[in-house]
Amino acid sequence: MTQGKLTRHPQCSQDNVLYVDPGFHTGLFMWLNVKTGSYLCDTLTYPRDKKSCIIDTMTPFWKGFTEALLDYSPIVVVIEDVFLRPGDPKSMGSALRGDLLTLDKLAAGYMAAAVHQDIPVRTLRAHQWKGQMDDTAVKARVRYVCGLNIDSSHIADACGMSLHEMGIFA
């Protein structure tokens, strides 16, 4: 556990809310105490065999997420919503490869794991919290707002979601 310092005053506390950027490098971020800047973060990453069954590929992620829920004990889970953005080449390519549907199944498994532990779940669309910012811009904004230099773009996205929810990301 490390600490960051917020440069802006949050409009609300997000203590013990777990933010999730789902993917084959899932980013997890949770403030333990916004006032002190203490937080937990992790990345769930597993080898992906494109020839194996989708469910077999996702099972380690779902198990790892279930363990993270037990370790982190969040009061709410917020997962970035998966959806097709027409006109966005990255999103359209993902849809054509079938990756978007796979990602949606992965996120649904995370939701089911949280609901199974009686933890409320919400979703947040990427364009709601980061607009058109790319990974580099999100990392720079996270560094500016809370002083955290996060290498993983997935953890930075999860942290950015938390800052957005506090009203201090923009």
N, C-alpha and C. Protein backbone atom coordinates (compact mmCIF):
# COMPACT_ATOMS: atom_id res chain seq x y z
N MET A 1 0.85 -1.18 0.00
CA MET A 1 0.00 0.00 0.00
C MET A 1 0.89 1.24 0.00
N THR A 2 0.59 2.14 -0.91
CA THR A 2 1.33 3.39 -0.98
C THR A 2 0.35 4.54 -0.81
N GLN A 3 0.86 5.75 -0.88
CA GLN A 3 0.00 6.89 -0.68
C GLN A 3 0.21 7.93 -1.77
N GLY A 4 -0.86 8.66 -2.05
CA GLY A 4 -0.82 9.77 -2.97
C GLY A 4 -1.41 10.98 -2.28
N LYS A 5 -1.19 12.14 -2.82
CA LYS A 5 -1.73 13.36 -2.22
C LYS A 5 -2.64 14.03 -3.24
N LEU A 6 -3.89 14.22 -2.86
CA LEU A 6 -4.84 14.87 -3.76
C LEU A 6 -4.54 16.36 -3.82
N THR A 7 -4.48 16.90 -5.04
CA THR A 7 -4.23 18.32 -5.21
C THR A 7 -5.54 19.11 -5.27
N ARG A 8 -6.65 18.39 -5.34
CA ARG A 8 -7.97 19.03 -5.38
C ARG A 8 -8.83 18.43 -4.27
N HIS A 9 -9.77 19.20 -3.77
CA HIS A 9 -10.64 18.72 -2.70
C HIS A 9 -11.77 17.88 -3.28
N PRO A 10 -11.86 16.61 -2.87
CA PRO A 10 -12.95 15.77 -3.40
C PRO A 10 -14.31 16.24 -2.91
N GLN A 11 -15.29 16.12 -3.79
CA GLN A 11 -16.65 16.51 -3.44
C GLN A 11 -17.35 15.44 -2.61
N CYS A 12 -16.84 14.20 -2.67
CA CYS A 12 -17.39 13.12 -1.86
C CYS A 12 -16.29 12.08 -1.67
N SER A 13 -16.41 11.30 -0.62
CA SER A 13 -15.43 10.26 -0.34
C SER A 13 -15.72 9.02 -1.17
N GLN A 14 -14.69 8.35 -1.60
CA GLN A 14 -14.83 7.09 -2.32
C GLN A 14 -14.10 5.97 -1.59
N ASP A 15 -13.99 6.11 -0.25
CA ASP A 15 -13.31 5.08 0.53
C ASP A 15 -14.01 3.74 0.35
N ASN A 16 -13.19 2.71 0.14
CA ASN A 16 -13.64 1.32 0.06
C ASN A 16 -14.59 1.03 -1.10
N VAL A 17 -14.51 1.83 -2.17
CA VAL A 17 -15.23 1.56 -3.41
C VAL A 17 -14.20 1.02 -4.39
N LEU A 18 -14.42 -0.19 -4.88
CA LEU A 18 -13.48 -0.82 -5.79
C LEU A 18 -13.83 -0.47 -7.23
N TYR A 19 -12.87 0.13 -7.94
CA TYR A 19 -13.05 0.49 -9.34
C TYR A 19 -12.33 -0.53 -10.20
N VAL A 20 -13.01 -0.95 -11.28
CA VAL A 20 -12.50 -2.03 -12.11
C VAL A 20 -12.50 -1.62 -13.58
N ASP A 21 -11.32 -1.73 -14.20
CA ASP A 21 -11.19 -1.56 -15.65
C ASP A 21 -11.01 -2.97 -16.20
N PRO A 22 -12.12 -3.59 -16.70
CA PRO A 22 -12.03 -4.99 -17.11
C PRO A 22 -11.24 -5.17 -18.39
N GLY A 23 -10.58 -6.30 -18.49
CA GLY A 23 -9.83 -6.64 -19.69
C GLY A 23 -8.88 -7.77 -19.39
N PHE A 24 -8.10 -8.16 -20.39
CA PHE A 24 -7.15 -9.24 -20.17
C PHE A 24 -5.94 -8.77 -19.38
N HIS A 25 -5.96 -7.51 -18.99
CA HIS A 25 -5.08 -6.93 -17.98
C HIS A 25 -6.01 -6.06 -17.13
N THR A 26 -6.87 -6.69 -16.34
CA THR A 26 -7.85 -5.97 -15.54
C THR A 26 -7.16 -5.12 -14.47
N GLY A 27 -7.55 -3.84 -14.40
CA GLY A 27 -7.01 -2.95 -13.39
C GLY A 27 -7.99 -2.77 -12.25
N LEU A 28 -7.48 -2.88 -11.02
CA LEU A 28 -8.29 -2.68 -9.81
C LEU A 28 -7.70 -1.52 -9.02
N PHE A 29 -8.55 -0.66 -8.49
CA PHE A 29 -8.09 0.46 -7.68
C PHE A 29 -9.13 0.77 -6.61
N MET A 30 -8.67 0.97 -5.36
CA MET A 30 -9.58 1.30 -4.28
C MET A 30 -8.88 2.20 -3.27
N TRP A 31 -9.51 3.32 -2.97
CA TRP A 31 -9.01 4.19 -1.89
C TRP A 31 -9.39 3.56 -0.56
N LEU A 32 -8.43 3.41 0.33
CA LEU A 32 -8.72 2.98 1.69
C LEU A 32 -9.12 4.19 2.52
N ASN A 33 -8.43 5.30 2.27
CA ASN A 33 -8.74 6.54 2.97
C ASN A 33 -8.32 7.70 2.07
N VAL A 34 -9.32 8.38 1.52
CA VAL A 34 -9.05 9.48 0.61
C VAL A 34 -8.26 10.59 1.30
N LYS A 35 -8.58 10.87 2.56
CA LYS A 35 -7.92 11.96 3.28
C LYS A 35 -6.42 11.73 3.45
N THR A 36 -6.02 10.48 3.73
CA THR A 36 -4.60 10.19 3.90
C THR A 36 -3.95 9.79 2.58
N GLY A 37 -4.76 9.49 1.58
CA GLY A 37 -4.23 9.10 0.28
C GLY A 37 -3.83 7.64 0.19
N SER A 38 -4.23 6.82 1.15
CA SER A 38 -3.85 5.40 1.11
C SER A 38 -4.80 4.64 0.19
N TYR A 39 -4.24 3.73 -0.58
CA TYR A 39 -5.04 3.00 -1.57
C TYR A 39 -4.46 1.61 -1.79
N LEU A 40 -5.24 0.78 -2.46
CA LEU A 40 -4.81 -0.54 -2.91
C LEU A 40 -5.00 -0.59 -4.41
N CYS A 41 -4.12 -1.28 -5.11
CA CYS A 41 -4.31 -1.49 -6.53
C CYS A 41 -3.68 -2.80 -6.94
N ASP A 42 -4.17 -3.32 -8.05
CA ASP A 42 -3.66 -4.59 -8.54
C ASP A 42 -4.06 -4.73 -10.00
N THR A 43 -3.39 -5.63 -10.69
CA THR A 43 -3.75 -5.98 -12.06
C THR A 43 -3.95 -7.48 -12.11
N LEU A 44 -5.08 -7.90 -12.65
CA LEU A 44 -5.32 -9.32 -12.87
C LEU A 44 -4.89 -9.61 -14.30
N THR A 45 -3.84 -10.40 -14.47
CA THR A 45 -3.32 -10.73 -15.79
C THR A 45 -3.08 -12.22 -15.87
N TYR A 46 -3.61 -12.83 -16.89
CA TYR A 46 -3.41 -14.25 -17.09
C TYR A 46 -3.08 -14.50 -18.55
N PRO A 47 -2.31 -15.57 -18.82
CA PRO A 47 -2.00 -15.89 -20.21
C PRO A 47 -3.30 -16.19 -20.97
N ARG A 48 -3.34 -15.74 -22.18
CA ARG A 48 -4.55 -15.91 -22.97
C ARG A 48 -4.24 -16.81 -24.16
N ASP A 49 -4.90 -17.94 -24.18
CA ASP A 49 -4.75 -18.88 -25.29
C ASP A 49 -5.96 -18.73 -26.19
N LYS A 50 -5.77 -18.15 -27.36
CA LYS A 50 -6.88 -17.86 -28.25
C LYS A 50 -7.56 -19.14 -28.76
N LYS A 51 -6.89 -20.28 -28.64
CA LYS A 51 -7.48 -21.53 -29.13
C LYS A 51 -8.37 -22.19 -28.09
N SER A 52 -8.24 -21.80 -26.81
CA SER A 52 -9.02 -22.45 -25.76
C SER A 52 -10.41 -21.83 -25.67
N CYS A 53 -11.27 -22.51 -24.97
CA CYS A 53 -12.63 -22.06 -24.76
C CYS A 53 -12.63 -20.72 -24.01
N ILE A 54 -13.53 -19.84 -24.38
CA ILE A 54 -13.60 -18.52 -23.74
C ILE A 54 -13.79 -18.65 -22.24
N ILE A 55 -14.66 -19.54 -21.82
CA ILE A 55 -14.92 -19.71 -20.38
C ILE A 55 -13.66 -20.19 -19.67
N ASP A 56 -12.91 -21.12 -20.29
CA ASP A 56 -11.66 -21.59 -19.69
C ASP A 56 -10.67 -20.44 -19.53
N THR A 57 -10.66 -19.53 -20.50
CA THR A 57 -9.77 -18.38 -20.46
C THR A 57 -10.16 -17.43 -19.34
N MET A 58 -11.46 -17.26 -19.12
CA MET A 58 -11.95 -16.28 -18.14
C MET A 58 -11.96 -16.79 -16.71
N THR A 59 -12.02 -18.08 -16.52
CA THR A 59 -12.13 -18.64 -15.17
C THR A 59 -11.04 -18.14 -14.22
N PRO A 60 -9.77 -18.08 -14.63
CA PRO A 60 -8.75 -17.55 -13.70
C PRO A 60 -9.01 -16.08 -13.33
N PHE A 61 -9.54 -15.29 -14.27
CA PHE A 61 -9.86 -13.90 -13.97
C PHE A 61 -10.96 -13.83 -12.92
N TRP A 62 -12.02 -14.61 -13.12
CA TRP A 62 -13.14 -14.59 -12.18
C TRP A 62 -12.70 -15.06 -10.80
N LYS A 63 -11.87 -16.08 -10.75
CA LYS A 63 -11.35 -16.56 -9.46
C LYS A 63 -10.49 -15.49 -8.80
N GLY A 64 -9.60 -14.88 -9.58
CA GLY A 64 -8.74 -13.82 -9.05
C GLY A 64 -9.56 -12.63 -8.56
N PHE A 65 -10.61 -12.29 -9.28
CA PHE A 65 -11.46 -11.18 -8.86
C PHE A 65 -12.20 -11.52 -7.57
N THR A 66 -12.68 -12.74 -7.47
CA THR A 66 -13.36 -13.18 -6.24
C THR A 66 -12.41 -13.09 -5.05
N GLU A 67 -11.16 -13.49 -5.25
CA GLU A 67 -10.15 -13.37 -4.19
C GLU A 67 -9.89 -11.91 -3.84
N ALA A 68 -9.83 -11.05 -4.86
CA ALA A 68 -9.62 -9.61 -4.60
C ALA A 68 -10.78 -9.03 -3.79
N LEU A 69 -11.99 -9.46 -4.08
CA LEU A 69 -13.14 -8.98 -3.30
C LEU A 69 -13.01 -9.38 -1.84
N LEU A 70 -12.56 -10.59 -1.60
CA LEU A 70 -12.36 -11.05 -0.22
C LEU A 70 -11.23 -10.28 0.46
N ASP A 71 -10.14 -10.03 -0.28
CA ASP A 71 -8.99 -9.31 0.28
C ASP A 71 -9.29 -7.82 0.51
N TYR A 72 -9.95 -7.18 -0.45
CA TYR A 72 -10.19 -5.74 -0.40
C TYR A 72 -11.40 -5.37 0.46
N SER A 73 -12.40 -6.24 0.52
CA SER A 73 -13.66 -5.99 1.24
C SER A 73 -14.31 -4.65 0.84
N PRO A 74 -14.57 -4.45 -0.46
CA PRO A 74 -15.19 -3.19 -0.87
C PRO A 74 -16.66 -3.11 -0.45
N ILE A 75 -17.15 -1.88 -0.32
CA ILE A 75 -18.57 -1.69 0.01
C ILE A 75 -19.40 -1.54 -1.27
N VAL A 76 -18.75 -1.18 -2.37
CA VAL A 76 -19.38 -1.04 -3.69
C VAL A 76 -18.32 -1.39 -4.73
N VAL A 77 -18.77 -1.95 -5.85
CA VAL A 77 -17.89 -2.21 -6.98
C VAL A 77 -18.40 -1.41 -8.17
N VAL A 78 -17.51 -0.65 -8.81
CA VAL A 78 -17.85 0.11 -10.01
C VAL A 78 -17.01 -0.43 -11.16
N ILE A 79 -17.68 -0.91 -12.20
CA ILE A 79 -17.00 -1.54 -13.33
C ILE A 79 -17.21 -0.69 -14.58
N GLU A 80 -16.11 -0.45 -15.30
CA GLU A 80 -16.25 0.29 -16.55
C GLU A 80 -17.08 -0.56 -17.51
N ASP A 81 -18.13 0.05 -18.05
CA ASP A 81 -19.06 -0.64 -18.93
C ASP A 81 -18.41 -0.93 -20.28
N VAL A 82 -18.79 -2.03 -20.85
CA VAL A 82 -18.28 -2.45 -22.15
C VAL A 82 -19.35 -2.16 -23.19
N PHE A 83 -19.00 -1.43 -24.23
CA PHE A 83 -19.98 -1.14 -25.28
C PHE A 83 -19.26 -0.78 -26.58
N LEU A 84 -19.99 -0.86 -27.67
CA LEU A 84 -19.46 -0.54 -28.98
C LEU A 84 -19.58 0.96 -29.22
N ARG A 85 -18.47 1.58 -29.62
CA ARG A 85 -18.48 3.00 -29.96
C ARG A 85 -18.40 3.12 -31.48
N PRO A 86 -19.54 3.29 -32.15
CA PRO A 86 -19.53 3.39 -33.61
C PRO A 86 -18.61 4.52 -34.07
N GLY A 87 -17.84 4.25 -35.10
CA GLY A 87 -16.92 5.25 -35.63
C GLY A 87 -15.54 5.20 -35.00
N ASP A 88 -15.40 4.51 -33.86
CA ASP A 88 -14.10 4.38 -33.21
C ASP A 88 -13.41 3.13 -33.78
N PRO A 89 -12.31 3.31 -34.51
CA PRO A 89 -11.66 2.16 -35.14
C PRO A 89 -11.24 1.07 -34.15
N LYS A 90 -10.76 1.47 -32.98
CA LYS A 90 -10.33 0.50 -31.97
C LYS A 90 -11.52 -0.33 -31.50
N SER A 91 -12.64 0.33 -31.22
CA SER A 91 -13.85 -0.35 -30.76
C SER A 91 -14.43 -1.24 -31.87
N MET A 92 -14.45 -0.73 -33.08
CA MET A 92 -15.01 -1.50 -34.20
C MET A 92 -14.14 -2.73 -34.49
N GLY A 93 -12.83 -2.58 -34.44
CA GLY A 93 -11.93 -3.71 -34.65
C GLY A 93 -12.11 -4.77 -33.57
N SER A 94 -12.27 -4.31 -32.34
CA SER A 94 -12.50 -5.22 -31.23
C SER A 94 -13.79 -6.01 -31.43
N ALA A 95 -14.82 -5.33 -31.91
CA ALA A 95 -16.11 -5.99 -32.15
C ALA A 95 -15.98 -7.02 -33.27
N LEU A 96 -15.28 -6.67 -34.33
CA LEU A 96 -15.11 -7.59 -35.46
C LEU A 96 -14.33 -8.84 -35.07
N ARG A 97 -13.35 -8.70 -34.18
CA ARG A 97 -12.56 -9.85 -33.72
C ARG A 97 -13.30 -10.69 -32.69
N GLY A 98 -14.38 -10.16 -32.14
CA GLY A 98 -15.12 -10.86 -31.09
C GLY A 98 -14.62 -10.53 -29.70
N ASP A 99 -13.61 -9.66 -29.62
CA ASP A 99 -13.04 -9.32 -28.32
C ASP A 99 -14.01 -8.52 -27.46
N LEU A 100 -14.85 -7.71 -28.08
CA LEU A 100 -15.79 -6.89 -27.32
C LEU A 100 -16.80 -7.77 -26.57
N LEU A 101 -17.29 -8.80 -27.24
CA LEU A 101 -18.22 -9.72 -26.61
C LEU A 101 -17.53 -10.49 -25.49
N THR A 102 -16.28 -10.89 -25.72
CA THR A 102 -15.51 -11.59 -24.70
C THR A 102 -15.31 -10.69 -23.48
N LEU A 103 -14.98 -9.44 -23.72
CA LEU A 103 -14.78 -8.48 -22.64
C LEU A 103 -16.08 -8.27 -21.85
N ASP A 104 -17.20 -8.23 -22.55
CA ASP A 104 -18.49 -8.08 -21.90
C ASP A 104 -18.79 -9.27 -20.99
N LYS A 105 -18.45 -10.46 -21.45
CA LYS A 105 -18.64 -11.67 -20.62
C LYS A 105 -17.74 -11.62 -19.39
N LEU A 106 -16.52 -11.15 -19.58
CA LEU A 106 -15.59 -11.03 -18.45
C LEU A 106 -16.16 -10.08 -17.40
N ALA A 107 -16.63 -8.91 -17.85
CA ALA A 107 -17.21 -7.92 -16.93
C ALA A 107 -18.46 -8.48 -16.24
N ALA A 108 -19.27 -9.22 -16.98
CA ALA A 108 -20.48 -9.81 -16.39
C ALA A 108 -20.11 -10.80 -15.29
N GLY A 109 -19.03 -11.54 -15.49
CA GLY A 109 -18.56 -12.47 -14.45
C GLY A 109 -18.10 -11.72 -13.20
N TYR A 110 -17.44 -10.57 -13.40
CA TYR A 110 -17.04 -9.75 -12.26
C TYR A 110 -18.27 -9.26 -11.50
N MET A 111 -19.28 -8.83 -12.25
CA MET A 111 -20.52 -8.36 -11.61
C MET A 111 -21.17 -9.49 -10.81
N ALA A 112 -21.22 -10.67 -11.40
CA ALA A 112 -21.82 -11.82 -10.72
C ALA A 112 -21.06 -12.16 -9.44
N ALA A 113 -19.73 -12.08 -9.48
CA ALA A 113 -18.93 -12.37 -8.28
C ALA A 113 -19.24 -11.39 -7.17
N ALA A 114 -19.38 -10.11 -7.51
CA ALA A 114 -19.69 -9.10 -6.50
C ALA A 114 -21.10 -9.30 -5.95
N VAL A 115 -22.05 -9.52 -6.83
CA VAL A 115 -23.44 -9.72 -6.40
C VAL A 115 -23.53 -10.96 -5.51
N HIS A 116 -22.78 -12.00 -5.85
CA HIS A 116 -22.78 -13.22 -5.04
C HIS A 116 -22.31 -12.95 -3.61
N GLN A 117 -21.45 -11.96 -3.43
CA GLN A 117 -20.97 -11.57 -2.10
C GLN A 117 -21.79 -10.42 -1.52
N ASP A 118 -22.96 -10.15 -2.11
CA ASP A 118 -23.86 -9.08 -1.64
C ASP A 118 -23.21 -7.69 -1.66
N ILE A 119 -22.36 -7.45 -2.65
CA ILE A 119 -21.72 -6.15 -2.83
C ILE A 119 -22.44 -5.44 -3.97
N PRO A 120 -22.98 -4.24 -3.73
CA PRO A 120 -23.65 -3.51 -4.82
C PRO A 120 -22.68 -3.22 -5.97
N VAL A 121 -23.21 -3.26 -7.19
CA VAL A 121 -22.41 -3.05 -8.39
C VAL A 121 -23.03 -1.93 -9.23
N ARG A 122 -22.16 -1.07 -9.76
CA ARG A 122 -22.58 -0.05 -10.72
C ARG A 122 -21.65 -0.12 -11.92
N THR A 123 -22.10 0.42 -13.04
CA THR A 123 -21.23 0.53 -14.20
C THR A 123 -21.06 2.01 -14.55
N LEU A 124 -19.95 2.29 -15.22
CA LEU A 124 -19.63 3.65 -15.64
C LEU A 124 -19.02 3.56 -17.03
N ARG A 125 -19.57 4.29 -17.97
CA ARG A 125 -19.06 4.26 -19.34
C ARG A 125 -17.81 5.12 -19.44
N ALA A 126 -16.87 4.64 -20.25
CA ALA A 126 -15.58 5.32 -20.40
C ALA A 126 -15.75 6.76 -20.85
N HIS A 127 -16.63 7.01 -21.80
CA HIS A 127 -16.78 8.39 -22.29
C HIS A 127 -17.37 9.31 -21.23
N GLN A 128 -18.03 8.76 -20.21
CA GLN A 128 -18.59 9.59 -19.13
C GLN A 128 -17.49 10.13 -18.24
N TRP A 129 -16.47 9.34 -18.01
CA TRP A 129 -15.45 9.79 -17.05
C TRP A 129 -14.17 10.29 -17.72
N LYS A 130 -13.84 9.82 -18.94
CA LYS A 130 -12.58 10.30 -19.54
C LYS A 130 -12.75 10.95 -20.89
N GLY A 131 -13.96 10.99 -21.40
CA GLY A 131 -14.17 11.62 -22.69
C GLY A 131 -13.32 10.98 -23.76
N GLN A 132 -12.51 11.76 -24.46
CA GLN A 132 -11.67 11.27 -25.55
C GLN A 132 -10.20 11.09 -25.15
N MET A 133 -9.91 11.18 -23.84
CA MET A 133 -8.52 11.06 -23.40
C MET A 133 -7.94 9.68 -23.70
N ASP A 134 -6.70 9.64 -24.16
CA ASP A 134 -6.02 8.37 -24.37
C ASP A 134 -5.31 7.97 -23.08
N ASP A 135 -4.62 6.82 -23.13
CA ASP A 135 -3.95 6.30 -21.93
C ASP A 135 -2.92 7.26 -21.36
N THR A 136 -2.16 7.90 -22.23
CA THR A 136 -1.14 8.84 -21.78
C THR A 136 -1.77 10.03 -21.04
N ALA A 137 -2.85 10.55 -21.58
CA ALA A 137 -3.54 11.68 -20.95
C ALA A 137 -4.15 11.29 -19.61
N VAL A 138 -4.71 10.09 -19.53
CA VAL A 138 -5.30 9.62 -18.26
C VAL A 138 -4.22 9.51 -17.20
N LYS A 139 -3.08 8.91 -17.55
CA LYS A 139 -1.97 8.77 -16.59
C LYS A 139 -1.48 10.15 -16.12
N ALA A 140 -1.38 11.09 -17.05
CA ALA A 140 -0.93 12.44 -16.70
C ALA A 140 -1.93 13.13 -15.78
N ARG A 141 -3.21 12.96 -16.05
CA ARG A 141 -4.24 13.58 -15.21
C ARG A 141 -4.25 12.97 -13.82
N VAL A 142 -4.10 11.65 -13.74
CA VAL A 142 -4.04 10.98 -12.43
C VAL A 142 -2.83 11.51 -11.65
N ARG A 143 -1.70 11.63 -12.31
CA ARG A 143 -0.48 12.14 -11.66
C ARG A 143 -0.71 13.58 -11.17
N TYR A 144 -1.37 14.40 -11.98
CA TYR A 144 -1.64 15.80 -11.62
C TYR A 144 -2.60 15.91 -10.43
N VAL A 145 -3.66 15.11 -10.45
CA VAL A 145 -4.71 15.23 -9.42
C VAL A 145 -4.29 14.62 -8.09
N CYS A 146 -3.61 13.46 -8.12
CA CYS A 146 -3.32 12.81 -6.84
C CYS A 146 -1.85 12.43 -6.66
N GLY A 147 -1.00 12.83 -7.57
CA GLY A 147 0.43 12.60 -7.40
C GLY A 147 0.88 11.18 -7.59
N LEU A 148 0.02 10.32 -8.12
CA LEU A 148 0.39 8.92 -8.32
C LEU A 148 0.95 8.72 -9.72
N ASN A 149 2.10 8.12 -9.80
CA ASN A 149 2.71 7.79 -11.09
C ASN A 149 2.43 6.32 -11.35
N ILE A 150 1.34 6.04 -11.99
CA ILE A 150 0.90 4.66 -12.20
C ILE A 150 1.33 4.20 -13.59
N ASP A 151 2.11 3.12 -13.64
CA ASP A 151 2.61 2.60 -14.92
C ASP A 151 1.52 1.91 -15.75
N SER A 152 0.69 1.13 -15.10
CA SER A 152 -0.35 0.37 -15.80
C SER A 152 -1.49 1.29 -16.24
N SER A 153 -1.78 1.28 -17.53
CA SER A 153 -2.90 2.10 -18.01
C SER A 153 -4.23 1.60 -17.46
N HIS A 154 -4.31 0.32 -17.15
CA HIS A 154 -5.56 -0.25 -16.62
C HIS A 154 -5.80 0.20 -15.17
N ILE A 155 -4.74 0.23 -14.37
CA ILE A 155 -4.88 0.74 -13.01
C ILE A 155 -5.13 2.25 -13.04
N ALA A 156 -4.45 2.94 -13.95
CA ALA A 156 -4.67 4.39 -14.09
C ALA A 156 -6.12 4.68 -14.47
N ASP A 157 -6.70 3.86 -15.35
CA ASP A 157 -8.11 4.04 -15.72
C ASP A 157 -9.01 3.82 -14.50
N ALA A 158 -8.73 2.77 -13.73
CA ALA A 158 -9.54 2.50 -12.54
C ALA A 158 -9.42 3.65 -11.54
N CYS A 159 -8.22 4.19 -11.36
CA CYS A 159 -8.02 5.33 -10.48
C CYS A 159 -8.74 6.56 -11.03
N GLY A 160 -8.64 6.78 -12.35
CA GLY A 160 -9.32 7.90 -12.98
C GLY A 160 -10.83 7.85 -12.77
N MET A 161 -11.38 6.64 -12.82
CA MET A 161 -12.82 6.48 -12.55
C MET A 161 -13.15 6.94 -11.15
N SER A 162 -12.29 6.60 -10.17
CA SER A 162 -12.54 7.00 -8.79
C SER A 162 -12.47 8.51 -8.64
N LEU A 163 -11.50 9.12 -9.31
CA LEU A 163 -11.36 10.58 -9.23
C LEU A 163 -12.56 11.28 -9.88
N HIS A 164 -13.04 10.70 -10.97
CA HIS A 164 -14.24 11.24 -11.62
C HIS A 164 -15.44 11.19 -10.66
N GLU A 165 -15.58 10.07 -10.00
CA GLU A 165 -16.70 9.89 -9.07
C GLU A 165 -16.61 10.86 -7.89
N MET A 166 -15.39 11.31 -7.56
CA MET A 166 -15.21 12.31 -6.50
C MET A 166 -15.41 13.72 -7.03
N GLY A 167 -15.57 13.85 -8.35
CA GLY A 167 -15.79 15.16 -8.96
C GLY A 167 -14.51 15.96 -9.14
N ILE A 168 -13.34 15.28 -9.16
CA ILE A 168 -12.08 16.03 -9.25
C ILE A 168 -11.19 15.58 -10.40
N PHE A 169 -11.71 14.81 -11.35
CA PHE A 169 -10.88 14.34 -12.44
C PHE A 169 -10.81 15.33 -13.59
N ALA A 170 -11.88 16.03 -13.85
CA ALA A 170 -11.93 16.94 -15.00
C ALA A 170 -11.12 18.19 -14.72
